[in-house]
Amino acid sequence: MATSTSPSPSLSFSSSSSVFFPSSKPLFFSLKTRFAKPPKFSLLSIKSELATLPIFDFSGEKVGETVLNLKTAPPDTARAVVHRGVVTHLRNRRRGTASTLTRGEVRGGGRKPYSQKKTGRARRGSNRTPLRRGGGVIFGPKPKDWSIKMNKKEKRLALSTAIASAASAGSSIVVEEFGDKFTQPKTKEFIAAMSRWGLDPKIRFLKLQNHEKRR
C-alpha cells in the first residue's frame, strides 16, 4: 500500500535517503532494533502524532534529526482506522481453500449396507453417512472468499498512521544516502553497515526516492 508523504520544511538530507521502520504483526510487522526491548504492535498503542527520527550517516554517527511528516488519522479515530486496515489485510490474505466432502461427495456408499428390517440394528441407507467412520462431514468448511474492500484513501491513511505511531515509539531511524559507499554489491557489507547503525537484520526497509507528495 502506498502512503502519501510530504516533507517537513526542516529536512536537510538528500532526496534519496533511506528510512528504517519497524514492522509489526500482522500489517506493519515486530523487529529488533537498537533498543533492548522493541515495542510490540498493539492497537492500544496507536498514536496520531508527529515523530522525530534520528539521522545517521554511513559510518553510524548521528548527524541530525528530522520530523516524519505523514498524514495521519485524527486521534479519536486513529485506532479504528488502523484496526480496519489490519482486518482488511488479514482477510485478504486468507486463501479460503479449506474444503471437506459431504456424504454425497464421498466415493462409494451407493448400496444399502443391510436390510431395513429384521437385523435389530439402526436403519442405515449408506456406508458414507457422517455418523460412520469414512463418511462425509456435517457442515464442514467449503471454499470461501474472505476478502473485503477498503477505500484506497482510508487504506493509505491506516498505513501512514501505523507507521507514524511505530516511529513515535522510538524504534525507527533515518539513514543518509549510502548507495555510493559500497565497493561491490555484497550482502555481507550491507549487514555490517546495519550493525553500525544498531539494527537487526530482520527489519522493514523503506527507501524514499523523493519527498514530493504523491497523489
N, C-alpha and C. Protein backbone atom coordinates (compact mmCIF):
# COMPACT_ATOMS: atom_id res chain seq x y z
N MET A 1 0.84 -1.19 0.00
CA MET A 1 0.00 0.00 0.00
C MET A 1 0.88 1.24 0.00
N ALA A 2 0.60 2.17 -0.85
CA ALA A 2 1.38 3.38 -0.93
C ALA A 2 0.90 4.37 0.11
N THR A 3 1.78 5.24 0.55
CA THR A 3 1.42 6.26 1.51
C THR A 3 1.73 7.62 0.92
N SER A 4 0.95 8.60 1.31
CA SER A 4 1.18 9.96 0.87
C SER A 4 2.08 10.64 1.87
N THR A 5 3.22 11.11 1.43
CA THR A 5 4.19 11.75 2.32
C THR A 5 4.49 13.14 1.82
N SER A 6 4.70 14.05 2.75
CA SER A 6 5.09 15.40 2.41
C SER A 6 6.24 15.79 3.31
N PRO A 7 7.29 16.44 2.80
CA PRO A 7 8.48 16.72 3.59
C PRO A 7 8.27 17.82 4.60
N SER A 8 8.98 17.75 5.67
CA SER A 8 8.98 18.82 6.65
C SER A 8 9.89 19.93 6.16
N PRO A 9 9.60 21.20 6.45
CA PRO A 9 10.46 22.29 6.00
C PRO A 9 11.88 22.19 6.52
N SER A 10 12.09 21.42 7.62
CA SER A 10 13.42 21.35 8.21
C SER A 10 14.27 20.23 7.63
N LEU A 11 13.76 19.48 6.65
CA LEU A 11 14.53 18.39 6.07
C LEU A 11 15.75 18.93 5.35
N SER A 12 16.92 18.35 5.65
CA SER A 12 18.15 18.83 5.03
C SER A 12 18.95 17.71 4.39
N PHE A 13 18.47 16.44 4.51
CA PHE A 13 19.25 15.36 3.93
C PHE A 13 18.83 15.15 2.49
N SER A 14 19.60 14.30 1.79
CA SER A 14 19.40 14.13 0.36
C SER A 14 18.03 13.55 0.05
N SER A 15 17.60 13.71 -1.21
CA SER A 15 16.25 13.33 -1.60
C SER A 15 16.08 11.83 -1.71
N SER A 16 17.15 11.08 -1.61
CA SER A 16 17.03 9.62 -1.71
C SER A 16 17.49 8.94 -0.43
N SER A 17 17.17 9.56 0.70
CA SER A 17 17.55 8.99 1.98
C SER A 17 16.78 7.70 2.23
N SER A 18 17.34 6.85 3.06
CA SER A 18 16.72 5.57 3.36
C SER A 18 16.16 5.60 4.77
N VAL A 19 14.93 5.17 4.93
CA VAL A 19 14.25 5.20 6.21
C VAL A 19 14.01 3.78 6.68
N PHE A 20 14.33 3.50 7.93
CA PHE A 20 14.09 2.19 8.51
C PHE A 20 12.91 2.29 9.46
N PHE A 21 11.88 1.49 9.22
CA PHE A 21 10.72 1.45 10.10
C PHE A 21 10.61 0.07 10.71
N PRO A 22 10.14 -0.02 11.95
CA PRO A 22 9.89 -1.35 12.50
C PRO A 22 8.67 -1.95 11.85
N SER A 23 8.67 -3.24 11.69
CA SER A 23 7.49 -3.89 11.19
C SER A 23 6.70 -4.40 12.37
N SER A 24 5.42 -4.66 12.18
CA SER A 24 4.59 -5.07 13.29
C SER A 24 3.52 -6.03 12.81
N LYS A 25 3.37 -7.15 13.47
CA LYS A 25 2.40 -8.14 13.06
C LYS A 25 0.99 -7.60 13.33
N PRO A 26 0.06 -7.80 12.40
CA PRO A 26 0.25 -8.52 11.17
C PRO A 26 0.45 -7.62 9.97
N LEU A 27 0.16 -6.33 10.12
CA LEU A 27 0.20 -5.48 8.93
C LEU A 27 1.51 -4.77 8.78
N PHE A 28 2.08 -4.32 9.81
CA PHE A 28 3.25 -3.46 9.68
C PHE A 28 4.47 -4.04 10.42
N PHE A 29 4.87 -5.13 10.94
CA PHE A 29 5.43 -6.34 11.49
C PHE A 29 6.65 -6.25 12.37
N SER A 30 6.96 -7.10 14.27
CA SER A 30 7.88 -6.58 15.24
C SER A 30 9.32 -6.91 14.92
N LEU A 31 10.18 -6.01 15.17
CA LEU A 31 11.57 -6.27 14.85
C LEU A 31 12.47 -5.84 15.98
N LYS A 32 13.70 -6.28 15.95
CA LYS A 32 14.67 -5.90 16.96
C LYS A 32 15.52 -4.77 16.41
N THR A 33 15.57 -3.67 17.14
CA THR A 33 16.36 -2.53 16.72
C THR A 33 17.46 -2.28 17.74
N ARG A 34 17.93 -1.05 17.79
CA ARG A 34 19.00 -0.71 18.71
C ARG A 34 18.53 -0.70 20.16
N PHE A 35 17.26 -0.96 20.41
CA PHE A 35 16.72 -0.96 21.76
C PHE A 35 16.64 -2.39 22.28
N ALA A 36 16.77 -2.53 23.60
CA ALA A 36 16.78 -3.86 24.20
C ALA A 36 15.46 -4.59 23.97
N LYS A 37 14.34 -3.89 24.21
CA LYS A 37 13.03 -4.49 24.02
C LYS A 37 12.23 -3.66 23.04
N PRO A 38 12.14 -4.09 21.79
CA PRO A 38 11.39 -3.31 20.81
C PRO A 38 9.91 -3.30 21.15
N PRO A 39 9.22 -2.21 20.87
CA PRO A 39 7.79 -2.15 21.17
C PRO A 39 7.01 -3.12 20.32
N LYS A 40 6.06 -3.81 20.94
CA LYS A 40 5.23 -4.74 20.22
C LYS A 40 4.01 -4.02 19.66
N PHE A 41 3.54 -4.52 18.51
CA PHE A 41 2.39 -3.90 17.88
C PHE A 41 1.14 -4.17 18.69
N SER A 42 0.38 -3.13 18.95
CA SER A 42 -0.89 -3.26 19.64
C SER A 42 -1.76 -2.09 19.24
N LEU A 43 -3.02 -2.37 19.00
CA LEU A 43 -3.94 -1.30 18.65
C LEU A 43 -4.08 -0.31 19.79
N LEU A 44 -3.81 -0.76 21.02
CA LEU A 44 -3.91 0.14 22.16
C LEU A 44 -2.80 1.17 22.16
N SER A 45 -1.70 0.90 21.43
CA SER A 45 -0.56 1.81 21.42
C SER A 45 -0.57 2.73 20.21
N ILE A 46 -1.63 2.70 19.40
CA ILE A 46 -1.70 3.56 18.22
C ILE A 46 -1.81 5.01 18.65
N LYS A 47 -0.93 5.84 18.11
CA LYS A 47 -0.93 7.26 18.40
C LYS A 47 -0.94 8.05 17.10
N SER A 48 -1.61 9.17 17.12
CA SER A 48 -1.67 10.03 15.95
C SER A 48 -0.89 11.30 16.25
N GLU A 49 0.42 11.23 16.06
CA GLU A 49 1.27 12.37 16.37
C GLU A 49 2.53 12.33 15.50
N LEU A 50 3.20 13.48 15.41
CA LEU A 50 4.43 13.56 14.63
C LEU A 50 5.56 12.87 15.37
N ALA A 51 6.43 12.23 14.62
CA ALA A 51 7.55 11.51 15.21
C ALA A 51 8.86 12.16 14.78
N THR A 52 9.79 12.31 15.72
CA THR A 52 11.11 12.84 15.44
C THR A 52 12.08 11.67 15.33
N LEU A 53 12.72 11.54 14.16
CA LEU A 53 13.62 10.42 13.90
C LEU A 53 15.06 10.89 13.84
N PRO A 54 15.99 10.13 14.41
CA PRO A 54 17.41 10.47 14.30
C PRO A 54 17.94 10.12 12.91
N ILE A 55 18.89 10.93 12.42
CA ILE A 55 19.51 10.71 11.12
C ILE A 55 20.94 10.23 11.35
N PHE A 56 21.31 9.12 10.72
CA PHE A 56 22.65 8.55 10.84
C PHE A 56 23.32 8.56 9.48
N ASP A 57 24.65 8.70 9.50
CA ASP A 57 25.40 8.58 8.26
C ASP A 57 25.85 7.13 8.07
N PHE A 58 26.62 6.89 7.03
CA PHE A 58 27.01 5.52 6.70
C PHE A 58 27.90 4.90 7.77
N SER A 59 28.68 5.73 8.47
CA SER A 59 29.59 5.22 9.48
C SER A 59 28.90 4.92 10.81
N GLY A 60 27.62 5.30 10.95
CA GLY A 60 26.88 5.04 12.17
C GLY A 60 26.83 6.20 13.12
N GLU A 61 27.33 7.37 12.71
CA GLU A 61 27.31 8.56 13.56
C GLU A 61 26.00 9.31 13.36
N LYS A 62 25.45 9.82 14.45
CA LYS A 62 24.24 10.61 14.37
C LYS A 62 24.58 12.01 13.87
N VAL A 63 23.90 12.43 12.81
CA VAL A 63 24.20 13.72 12.19
C VAL A 63 23.06 14.71 12.30
N GLY A 64 21.95 14.30 12.85
CA GLY A 64 20.83 15.23 12.99
C GLY A 64 19.53 14.51 13.27
N GLU A 65 18.45 15.27 13.17
CA GLU A 65 17.11 14.73 13.38
C GLU A 65 16.17 15.29 12.32
N THR A 66 15.08 14.60 12.12
CA THR A 66 14.06 15.05 11.19
C THR A 66 12.69 14.64 11.71
N VAL A 67 11.68 15.32 11.24
CA VAL A 67 10.31 15.03 11.65
C VAL A 67 9.63 14.23 10.55
N LEU A 68 9.06 13.10 10.92
CA LEU A 68 8.32 12.28 9.97
C LEU A 68 6.93 12.89 9.81
N ASN A 69 6.77 13.62 8.72
CA ASN A 69 5.53 14.35 8.49
C ASN A 69 4.61 13.53 7.60
N LEU A 70 3.76 12.72 8.21
CA LEU A 70 2.80 11.90 7.48
C LEU A 70 1.39 12.33 7.82
N LYS A 71 0.52 12.16 6.85
CA LYS A 71 -0.89 12.44 7.08
C LYS A 71 -1.48 11.30 7.87
N THR A 72 -1.89 11.57 9.10
CA THR A 72 -2.42 10.53 9.97
C THR A 72 -3.87 10.79 10.31
N ALA A 73 -4.53 9.77 10.81
CA ALA A 73 -5.93 9.90 11.21
C ALA A 73 -6.03 10.72 12.49
N PRO A 74 -7.16 11.37 12.71
CA PRO A 74 -7.35 12.11 13.96
C PRO A 74 -7.21 11.19 15.17
N PRO A 75 -6.78 11.74 16.30
CA PRO A 75 -6.55 10.89 17.48
C PRO A 75 -7.76 10.06 17.91
N ASP A 76 -8.97 10.61 17.75
CA ASP A 76 -10.15 9.88 18.21
C ASP A 76 -10.55 8.74 17.28
N THR A 77 -10.04 8.73 16.04
CA THR A 77 -10.40 7.65 15.10
C THR A 77 -9.19 6.86 14.63
N ALA A 78 -7.99 7.20 15.10
CA ALA A 78 -6.77 6.54 14.61
C ALA A 78 -6.81 5.03 14.87
N ARG A 79 -7.20 4.64 16.07
CA ARG A 79 -7.20 3.22 16.40
C ARG A 79 -8.20 2.44 15.54
N ALA A 80 -9.36 3.03 15.29
CA ALA A 80 -10.38 2.36 14.48
C ALA A 80 -9.93 2.22 13.03
N VAL A 81 -9.28 3.25 12.50
CA VAL A 81 -8.82 3.21 11.11
C VAL A 81 -7.75 2.13 10.94
N VAL A 82 -6.79 2.09 11.86
CA VAL A 82 -5.74 1.07 11.78
C VAL A 82 -6.33 -0.32 11.96
N HIS A 83 -7.30 -0.45 12.84
CA HIS A 83 -7.94 -1.76 13.04
C HIS A 83 -8.60 -2.24 11.76
N ARG A 84 -9.29 -1.36 11.06
CA ARG A 84 -9.92 -1.75 9.80
C ARG A 84 -8.86 -2.14 8.77
N GLY A 85 -7.74 -1.42 8.77
CA GLY A 85 -6.67 -1.76 7.85
C GLY A 85 -6.08 -3.13 8.15
N VAL A 86 -5.90 -3.45 9.43
CA VAL A 86 -5.35 -4.75 9.82
C VAL A 86 -6.32 -5.87 9.45
N VAL A 87 -7.59 -5.69 9.76
CA VAL A 87 -8.60 -6.71 9.45
C VAL A 87 -8.69 -6.93 7.95
N THR A 88 -8.68 -5.83 7.18
CA THR A 88 -8.75 -5.96 5.72
C THR A 88 -7.54 -6.72 5.19
N HIS A 89 -6.36 -6.38 5.69
CA HIS A 89 -5.14 -7.05 5.24
C HIS A 89 -5.18 -8.54 5.55
N LEU A 90 -5.58 -8.89 6.76
CA LEU A 90 -5.61 -10.30 7.16
C LEU A 90 -6.65 -11.09 6.38
N ARG A 91 -7.82 -10.51 6.19
CA ARG A 91 -8.87 -11.23 5.47
C ARG A 91 -8.51 -11.40 4.00
N ASN A 92 -7.87 -10.40 3.41
CA ASN A 92 -7.50 -10.51 2.00
C ASN A 92 -6.35 -11.49 1.80
N ARG A 93 -5.61 -11.81 2.86
CA ARG A 93 -4.54 -12.80 2.75
C ARG A 93 -5.07 -14.23 2.83
N ARG A 94 -6.26 -14.41 3.34
CA ARG A 94 -6.81 -15.75 3.50
C ARG A 94 -7.10 -16.37 2.14
N ARG A 95 -6.65 -17.56 1.95
CA ARG A 95 -6.89 -18.24 0.68
C ARG A 95 -8.32 -18.79 0.60
N GLY A 96 -8.85 -19.20 1.72
CA GLY A 96 -10.20 -19.72 1.72
C GLY A 96 -10.35 -21.02 0.94
N THR A 97 -9.33 -21.88 0.98
CA THR A 97 -9.35 -23.12 0.21
C THR A 97 -9.71 -24.34 1.05
N ALA A 98 -10.01 -24.15 2.33
CA ALA A 98 -10.39 -25.29 3.17
C ALA A 98 -11.66 -25.94 2.61
N SER A 99 -11.64 -27.25 2.46
CA SER A 99 -12.78 -27.93 1.86
C SER A 99 -12.91 -29.35 2.41
N THR A 100 -14.13 -29.77 2.66
CA THR A 100 -14.42 -31.13 3.10
C THR A 100 -15.48 -31.72 2.18
N LEU A 101 -15.66 -33.03 2.28
CA LEU A 101 -16.63 -33.74 1.44
C LEU A 101 -17.88 -34.07 2.25
N THR A 102 -19.02 -33.82 1.64
CA THR A 102 -20.28 -34.23 2.26
C THR A 102 -20.53 -35.70 1.94
N ARG A 103 -21.59 -36.26 2.47
CA ARG A 103 -21.88 -37.67 2.23
C ARG A 103 -22.20 -37.93 0.76
N GLY A 104 -22.65 -36.90 0.06
CA GLY A 104 -22.94 -37.05 -1.36
C GLY A 104 -21.70 -36.95 -2.23
N GLU A 105 -20.58 -36.46 -1.67
CA GLU A 105 -19.36 -36.28 -2.44
C GLU A 105 -18.31 -37.36 -2.15
N VAL A 106 -18.47 -38.09 -1.06
CA VAL A 106 -17.52 -39.15 -0.72
C VAL A 106 -17.73 -40.33 -1.66
N ARG A 107 -16.64 -40.91 -2.12
CA ARG A 107 -16.72 -42.03 -3.06
C ARG A 107 -17.31 -43.26 -2.37
N GLY A 108 -18.21 -43.95 -3.05
CA GLY A 108 -18.81 -45.17 -2.53
C GLY A 108 -20.09 -44.89 -1.77
N GLY A 109 -20.59 -45.94 -1.13
CA GLY A 109 -21.79 -45.79 -0.31
C GLY A 109 -23.08 -45.82 -1.08
N GLY A 110 -23.05 -46.31 -2.31
CA GLY A 110 -24.28 -46.31 -3.10
C GLY A 110 -25.23 -47.45 -2.74
N ARG A 111 -24.71 -48.53 -2.21
CA ARG A 111 -25.54 -49.70 -1.88
C ARG A 111 -25.95 -49.64 -0.42
N LYS A 112 -27.18 -50.00 -0.18
CA LYS A 112 -27.65 -50.08 1.20
C LYS A 112 -26.90 -51.21 1.91
N PRO A 113 -26.24 -50.92 3.03
CA PRO A 113 -25.36 -51.93 3.64
C PRO A 113 -26.08 -53.18 4.13
N TYR A 114 -27.27 -53.06 4.64
CA TYR A 114 -28.02 -54.23 5.10
C TYR A 114 -29.51 -53.90 5.05
N SER A 115 -30.29 -54.90 5.28
CA SER A 115 -31.74 -54.77 5.16
C SER A 115 -32.28 -53.74 6.15
N GLN A 116 -33.39 -53.13 5.75
CA GLN A 116 -34.01 -52.12 6.60
C GLN A 116 -34.51 -52.75 7.90
N LYS A 117 -35.04 -53.96 7.80
CA LYS A 117 -35.64 -54.61 8.97
C LYS A 117 -34.98 -55.97 9.23
N LYS A 118 -35.39 -56.60 10.28
CA LYS A 118 -35.02 -57.96 10.66
C LYS A 118 -33.61 -58.11 11.25
N THR A 119 -32.85 -57.02 11.30
CA THR A 119 -31.49 -57.14 11.85
C THR A 119 -31.41 -56.67 13.29
N GLY A 120 -32.34 -55.86 13.72
CA GLY A 120 -32.29 -55.30 15.06
C GLY A 120 -31.34 -54.11 15.18
N ARG A 121 -30.71 -53.77 14.08
CA ARG A 121 -29.76 -52.64 14.10
C ARG A 121 -30.46 -51.37 13.63
N ALA A 122 -29.77 -50.25 13.81
CA ALA A 122 -30.32 -48.98 13.36
C ALA A 122 -30.41 -48.95 11.84
N ARG A 123 -31.37 -48.21 11.35
CA ARG A 123 -31.54 -48.11 9.90
C ARG A 123 -30.31 -47.44 9.28
N ARG A 124 -29.85 -47.97 8.15
CA ARG A 124 -28.66 -47.42 7.51
C ARG A 124 -28.88 -47.43 6.00
N GLY A 125 -28.80 -46.31 5.38
CA GLY A 125 -29.01 -46.24 3.94
C GLY A 125 -27.72 -46.18 3.16
N SER A 126 -26.61 -45.85 3.83
CA SER A 126 -25.32 -45.72 3.13
C SER A 126 -24.19 -45.88 4.12
N ASN A 127 -23.07 -46.40 3.65
CA ASN A 127 -21.87 -46.51 4.49
C ASN A 127 -21.12 -45.19 4.59
N ARG A 128 -21.55 -44.21 3.84
CA ARG A 128 -20.87 -42.92 3.83
C ARG A 128 -21.62 -41.86 4.65
N THR A 129 -22.50 -42.31 5.50
CA THR A 129 -23.19 -41.37 6.38
C THR A 129 -22.19 -40.69 7.31
N PRO A 130 -22.38 -39.44 7.65
CA PRO A 130 -21.44 -38.75 8.56
C PRO A 130 -21.34 -39.39 9.94
N LEU A 131 -22.27 -40.27 10.27
CA LEU A 131 -22.24 -40.92 11.58
C LEU A 131 -21.26 -42.08 11.64
N ARG A 132 -20.71 -42.46 10.49
CA ARG A 132 -19.80 -43.60 10.46
C ARG A 132 -18.41 -43.17 10.02
N ARG A 133 -17.42 -43.96 10.41
CA ARG A 133 -16.04 -43.69 10.01
C ARG A 133 -15.91 -43.82 8.50
N GLY A 134 -15.24 -42.85 7.88
CA GLY A 134 -15.08 -42.86 6.43
C GLY A 134 -16.22 -42.17 5.71
N GLY A 135 -17.17 -41.65 6.46
CA GLY A 135 -18.29 -40.96 5.83
C GLY A 135 -18.00 -39.49 5.59
N GLY A 136 -19.02 -38.77 5.17
CA GLY A 136 -18.87 -37.35 4.89
C GLY A 136 -18.79 -36.52 6.16
N VAL A 137 -18.69 -35.22 5.99
CA VAL A 137 -18.56 -34.28 7.10
C VAL A 137 -19.82 -33.42 7.15
N ILE A 138 -20.37 -33.27 8.34
CA ILE A 138 -21.56 -32.44 8.52
C ILE A 138 -21.15 -30.99 8.68
N PHE A 139 -21.68 -30.13 7.84
CA PHE A 139 -21.42 -28.69 7.92
C PHE A 139 -19.92 -28.37 7.96
N GLY A 140 -19.14 -29.08 7.16
CA GLY A 140 -17.71 -28.82 7.11
C GLY A 140 -17.39 -27.58 6.29
N PRO A 141 -16.14 -27.11 6.33
CA PRO A 141 -15.77 -25.91 5.57
C PRO A 141 -15.77 -26.16 4.07
N LYS A 142 -16.11 -25.13 3.34
CA LYS A 142 -16.10 -25.15 1.89
C LYS A 142 -15.32 -23.93 1.40
N PRO A 143 -14.76 -23.97 0.19
CA PRO A 143 -14.04 -22.80 -0.33
C PRO A 143 -14.88 -21.53 -0.24
N LYS A 144 -14.23 -20.47 0.25
CA LYS A 144 -14.94 -19.22 0.50
C LYS A 144 -14.03 -18.04 0.25
N ASP A 145 -14.59 -16.99 -0.27
CA ASP A 145 -13.83 -15.75 -0.49
C ASP A 145 -13.99 -14.86 0.74
N TRP A 146 -12.90 -14.69 1.48
CA TRP A 146 -12.93 -13.90 2.71
C TRP A 146 -12.59 -12.43 2.49
N SER A 147 -12.23 -12.07 1.28
CA SER A 147 -11.72 -10.71 1.03
C SER A 147 -12.82 -9.67 1.23
N ILE A 148 -12.41 -8.52 1.71
CA ILE A 148 -13.29 -7.37 1.86
C ILE A 148 -12.62 -6.16 1.24
N LYS A 149 -13.38 -5.14 0.97
CA LYS A 149 -12.86 -3.95 0.32
C LYS A 149 -12.67 -2.82 1.33
N MET A 150 -11.70 -1.99 1.02
CA MET A 150 -11.43 -0.81 1.84
C MET A 150 -11.02 0.31 0.90
N ASN A 151 -11.54 1.49 1.14
CA ASN A 151 -11.22 2.62 0.27
C ASN A 151 -9.71 2.85 0.21
N LYS A 152 -9.23 3.23 -0.97
CA LYS A 152 -7.80 3.42 -1.16
C LYS A 152 -7.26 4.52 -0.23
N LYS A 153 -7.99 5.60 -0.09
CA LYS A 153 -7.54 6.69 0.77
C LYS A 153 -7.49 6.25 2.23
N GLU A 154 -8.50 5.49 2.64
CA GLU A 154 -8.52 5.02 4.02
C GLU A 154 -7.41 4.01 4.27
N LYS A 155 -7.11 3.18 3.26
CA LYS A 155 -6.04 2.21 3.40
C LYS A 155 -4.69 2.91 3.56
N ARG A 156 -4.47 3.95 2.75
CA ARG A 156 -3.23 4.72 2.88
C ARG A 156 -3.16 5.42 4.23
N LEU A 157 -4.31 5.93 4.68
CA LEU A 157 -4.34 6.61 5.97
C LEU A 157 -4.03 5.65 7.10
N ALA A 158 -4.55 4.43 7.02
CA ALA A 158 -4.26 3.43 8.05
C ALA A 158 -2.79 3.08 8.08
N LEU A 159 -2.18 2.91 6.90
CA LEU A 159 -0.76 2.56 6.84
C LEU A 159 0.11 3.69 7.37
N SER A 160 -0.17 4.93 6.94
CA SER A 160 0.64 6.06 7.40
C SER A 160 0.46 6.29 8.90
N THR A 161 -0.74 6.07 9.42
CA THR A 161 -0.96 6.22 10.86
C THR A 161 -0.19 5.17 11.64
N ALA A 162 -0.20 3.94 11.16
CA ALA A 162 0.54 2.87 11.84
C ALA A 162 2.04 3.12 11.79
N ILE A 163 2.55 3.59 10.64
CA ILE A 163 3.98 3.87 10.52
C ILE A 163 4.38 5.01 11.45
N ALA A 164 3.56 6.07 11.46
CA ALA A 164 3.86 7.21 12.32
C ALA A 164 3.81 6.81 13.79
N SER A 165 2.87 5.95 14.15
CA SER A 165 2.76 5.51 15.54
C SER A 165 3.95 4.65 15.93
N ALA A 166 4.38 3.76 15.02
CA ALA A 166 5.55 2.93 15.32
C ALA A 166 6.81 3.77 15.41
N ALA A 167 6.91 4.78 14.54
CA ALA A 167 8.09 5.64 14.57
C ALA A 167 8.14 6.48 15.84
N SER A 168 6.97 6.91 16.32
CA SER A 168 6.94 7.71 17.54
C SER A 168 7.33 6.91 18.77
N ALA A 169 7.33 5.58 18.65
CA ALA A 169 7.75 4.74 19.78
C ALA A 169 9.26 4.73 19.96
N GLY A 170 9.99 5.36 19.02
CA GLY A 170 11.43 5.48 19.15
C GLY A 170 12.22 4.30 18.64
N SER A 171 11.67 3.54 17.71
CA SER A 171 12.37 2.36 17.21
C SER A 171 12.66 2.45 15.72
N SER A 172 12.72 3.67 15.19
CA SER A 172 12.98 3.86 13.77
C SER A 172 14.08 4.90 13.59
N ILE A 173 14.84 4.76 12.51
CA ILE A 173 15.90 5.72 12.21
C ILE A 173 15.87 6.07 10.74
N VAL A 174 16.54 7.16 10.40
CA VAL A 174 16.74 7.58 9.02
C VAL A 174 18.23 7.52 8.72
N VAL A 175 18.59 6.97 7.57
CA VAL A 175 19.98 6.85 7.16
C VAL A 175 20.19 7.64 5.88
N GLU A 176 21.25 8.43 5.86
CA GLU A 176 21.55 9.22 4.68
C GLU A 176 21.89 8.31 3.50
N GLU A 177 21.86 8.90 2.31
CA GLU A 177 22.16 8.16 1.09
C GLU A 177 23.51 7.46 1.20
N PHE A 178 23.52 6.16 0.90
CA PHE A 178 24.77 5.40 1.03
C PHE A 178 25.01 4.50 -0.18
N GLY A 179 24.32 4.76 -1.28
CA GLY A 179 24.46 3.91 -2.45
C GLY A 179 25.87 3.86 -3.02
N ASP A 180 26.60 4.97 -2.91
CA ASP A 180 27.96 5.03 -3.45
C ASP A 180 29.03 4.62 -2.43
N LYS A 181 28.60 4.16 -1.25
CA LYS A 181 29.55 3.79 -0.20
C LYS A 181 30.06 2.36 -0.34
N PHE A 182 29.34 1.54 -1.06
CA PHE A 182 29.71 0.14 -1.18
C PHE A 182 30.64 -0.06 -2.37
N THR A 183 31.71 -0.81 -2.16
CA THR A 183 32.65 -1.08 -3.24
C THR A 183 32.09 -2.11 -4.21
N GLN A 184 31.28 -3.04 -3.70
CA GLN A 184 30.66 -4.05 -4.54
C GLN A 184 29.35 -4.50 -3.89
N PRO A 185 28.40 -4.94 -4.70
CA PRO A 185 27.09 -5.32 -4.15
C PRO A 185 27.13 -6.65 -3.41
N LYS A 186 27.47 -6.60 -2.12
CA LYS A 186 27.54 -7.80 -1.30
C LYS A 186 26.64 -7.64 -0.07
N THR A 187 25.90 -8.68 0.23
CA THR A 187 25.03 -8.66 1.40
C THR A 187 25.84 -8.52 2.68
N LYS A 188 27.03 -9.09 2.70
CA LYS A 188 27.88 -9.04 3.90
C LYS A 188 28.20 -7.60 4.27
N GLU A 189 28.49 -6.76 3.28
CA GLU A 189 28.81 -5.36 3.55
C GLU A 189 27.58 -4.62 4.08
N PHE A 190 26.42 -4.94 3.53
CA PHE A 190 25.21 -4.26 3.99
C PHE A 190 24.86 -4.68 5.43
N ILE A 191 25.05 -5.96 5.76
CA ILE A 191 24.80 -6.41 7.12
C ILE A 191 25.76 -5.73 8.10
N ALA A 192 27.01 -5.54 7.67
CA ALA A 192 27.98 -4.84 8.52
C ALA A 192 27.56 -3.40 8.75
N ALA A 193 27.03 -2.75 7.70
CA ALA A 193 26.55 -1.38 7.85
C ALA A 193 25.36 -1.33 8.81
N MET A 194 24.49 -2.29 8.73
CA MET A 194 23.33 -2.32 9.62
C MET A 194 23.76 -2.51 11.07
N SER A 195 24.81 -3.27 11.30
CA SER A 195 25.30 -3.44 12.67
C SER A 195 25.86 -2.13 13.21
N ARG A 196 26.45 -1.31 12.34
CA ARG A 196 26.95 0.00 12.78
C ARG A 196 25.80 0.93 13.15
N TRP A 197 24.67 0.75 12.48
CA TRP A 197 23.50 1.56 12.80
C TRP A 197 22.72 1.02 13.98
N GLY A 198 23.15 -0.15 14.50
CA GLY A 198 22.46 -0.75 15.63
C GLY A 198 21.16 -1.41 15.26
N LEU A 199 21.06 -1.91 14.03
CA LEU A 199 19.82 -2.52 13.55
C LEU A 199 19.96 -4.02 13.44
N ASP A 200 18.86 -4.70 13.68
CA ASP A 200 18.80 -6.14 13.48
C ASP A 200 18.54 -6.41 12.01
N PRO A 201 19.10 -7.48 11.43
CA PRO A 201 18.85 -7.76 10.01
C PRO A 201 17.39 -7.94 9.66
N LYS A 202 16.57 -8.36 10.62
CA LYS A 202 15.15 -8.58 10.33
C LYS A 202 14.37 -7.30 10.59
N ILE A 203 14.36 -6.42 9.62
CA ILE A 203 13.67 -5.15 9.76
C ILE A 203 12.88 -4.87 8.50
N ARG A 204 12.11 -3.79 8.56
CA ARG A 204 11.44 -3.27 7.38
C ARG A 204 12.25 -2.09 6.87
N PHE A 205 12.56 -2.13 5.58
CA PHE A 205 13.42 -1.12 4.97
C PHE A 205 12.61 -0.36 3.93
N LEU A 206 12.58 0.95 4.06
CA LEU A 206 11.82 1.79 3.14
C LEU A 206 12.74 2.85 2.58
N LYS A 207 12.88 2.89 1.25
CA LYS A 207 13.72 3.88 0.60
C LYS A 207 12.85 4.93 -0.06
N LEU A 208 13.08 6.17 0.29
CA LEU A 208 12.32 7.28 -0.28
C LEU A 208 13.07 7.82 -1.49
N GLN A 209 12.43 7.77 -2.65
CA GLN A 209 13.05 8.30 -3.86
C GLN A 209 12.98 9.83 -3.88
N ASN A 210 11.88 10.37 -3.41
CA ASN A 210 11.73 11.82 -3.33
C ASN A 210 10.75 12.13 -2.22
N HIS A 211 10.67 13.39 -1.88
CA HIS A 211 9.81 13.82 -0.79
C HIS A 211 8.56 14.53 -1.28
N GLU A 212 8.32 14.49 -2.58
CA GLU A 212 7.14 15.13 -3.10
C GLU A 212 5.91 14.31 -2.75
N LYS A 213 4.84 15.00 -2.47
CA LYS A 213 3.61 14.32 -2.09
C LYS A 213 3.03 13.61 -3.30
N ARG A 214 2.73 12.33 -3.12
CA ARG A 214 2.14 11.55 -4.20
C ARG A 214 0.63 11.53 -4.06
N ARG A 215 -0.02 11.69 -5.18
CA ARG A 215 -1.49 11.68 -5.18
C ARG A 215 -1.99 10.45 -5.92
